[in-house]
Amino acid sequence: MGRVRGTLASAIEGRIGNLIFYKVDGVTYVRSAPGKQSKAKNGIKGK
């Protein structure tokens, strides 16, 4: 997770490509989106 500083980056919120921008207490953070999940073959979720 990274913290974004600057006026342009503080205006960004949401998803761009595989990056997710979000705000917590007025501070903008960026993280990568999780990878795709595959379904279990038998339909039961693993531990």
C-alpha atoms as a PDB file:
ATOM      1  CA  MET A   1       0.000   0.000   0.000  1.00  0.00           C
ATOM      2  CA  GLY A   2       1.277   3.446  -0.803  1.00  0.00           C
ATOM      3  CA  ARG A   3       0.323   6.920   0.329  1.00  0.00           C
ATOM      4  CA  VAL A   4      -0.180   9.562  -2.345  1.00  0.00           C
ATOM      5  CA  ARG A   5       0.904  13.165  -1.875  1.00  0.00           C
ATOM      6  CA  GLY A   6       0.163  16.041  -4.213  1.00  0.00           C
ATOM      7  CA  THR A   7      -2.794  17.986  -5.495  1.00  0.00           C
ATOM      8  CA  LEU A   8      -3.484  15.987  -8.658  1.00  0.00           C
ATOM      9  CA  ALA A   9      -3.332  12.621  -6.895  1.00  0.00           C
ATOM     10  CA  SER A  10      -5.622  13.820  -4.105  1.00  0.00           C
ATOM     11  CA  ALA A  11      -8.367  14.377  -6.706  1.00  0.00           C
ATOM     12  CA  ILE A  12      -8.240  10.719  -7.830  1.00  0.00           C
ATOM     13  CA  GLU A  13     -10.544   8.213  -6.207  1.00  0.00           C
ATOM     14  CA  GLY A  14     -11.609   4.801  -7.527  1.00  0.00           C
ATOM     15  CA  ARG A  15     -10.010   2.304  -9.863  1.00  0.00           C
ATOM     16  CA  ILE A  16      -7.566   2.939 -12.697  1.00  0.00           C
ATOM     17  CA  GLY A  17      -6.311  -0.246 -14.338  1.00  0.00           C
ATOM     18  CA  ASN A  18      -5.170  -2.550 -11.550  1.00  0.00           C
ATOM     19  CA  LEU A  19      -4.688   0.332  -9.067  1.00  0.00           C
ATOM     20  CA  ILE A  20      -7.293   1.315  -6.484  1.00  0.00           C
ATOM     21  CA  PHE A  21      -7.190   4.844  -5.032  1.00  0.00           C
ATOM     22  CA  TYR A  22      -9.086   5.502  -1.805  1.00  0.00           C
ATOM     23  CA  LYS A  23      -9.210   8.084   0.995  1.00  0.00           C
ATOM     24  CA  VAL A  24      -9.022   7.572   4.748  1.00  0.00           C
ATOM     25  CA  ASP A  25      -9.341  10.650   6.978  1.00  0.00           C
ATOM     26  CA  GLY A  26      -8.516  12.929   4.028  1.00  0.00           C
ATOM     27  CA  VAL A  27      -5.324  11.048   3.057  1.00  0.00           C
ATOM     28  CA  THR A  28      -5.272   9.357  -0.363  1.00  0.00           C
ATOM     29  CA  TYR A  29      -3.874   5.815  -0.539  1.00  0.00           C
ATOM     30  CA  VAL A  30      -3.269   3.521  -3.491  1.00  0.00           C
ATOM     31  CA  ARG A  31      -3.098  -0.271  -3.633  1.00  0.00           C
ATOM     32  CA  SER A  32      -3.123  -2.895  -6.326  1.00  0.00           C
ATOM     33  CA  ALA A  33      -6.331  -4.731  -7.111  1.00  0.00           C
ATOM     34  CA  PRO A  34      -6.516  -8.359  -6.008  1.00  0.00           C
ATOM     35  CA  GLY A  35      -5.902 -11.055  -8.604  1.00  0.00           C
ATOM     36  CA  LYS A  36      -8.719 -13.024 -10.154  1.00  0.00           C
ATOM     37  CA  GLN A  37     -10.206 -15.828  -8.086  1.00  0.00           C
ATOM     38  CA  SER A  38     -10.855 -19.250  -9.544  1.00  0.00           C
ATOM     39  CA  LYS A  39     -13.821 -21.378  -8.546  1.00  0.00           C
ATOM     40  CA  ALA A  40     -13.241 -24.707  -6.852  1.00  0.00           C
ATOM     41  CA  LYS A  41     -13.938 -27.673  -9.134  1.00  0.00           C
ATOM     42  CA  ASN A  42     -16.351 -29.310  -6.677  1.00  0.00           C
ATOM     43  CA  GLY A  43     -18.094 -26.041  -5.729  1.00  0.00           C
ATOM     44  CA  ILE A  44     -16.865 -26.155  -2.122  1.00  0.00           C
ATOM     45  CA  LYS A  45     -14.686 -23.301  -0.877  1.00  0.00           C
ATOM     46  CA  GLY A  46     -11.341 -24.364   0.532  1.00  0.00           C
ATOM     47  CA  LYS A  47      -9.831 -23.191   3.780  1.00  0.00           C
END
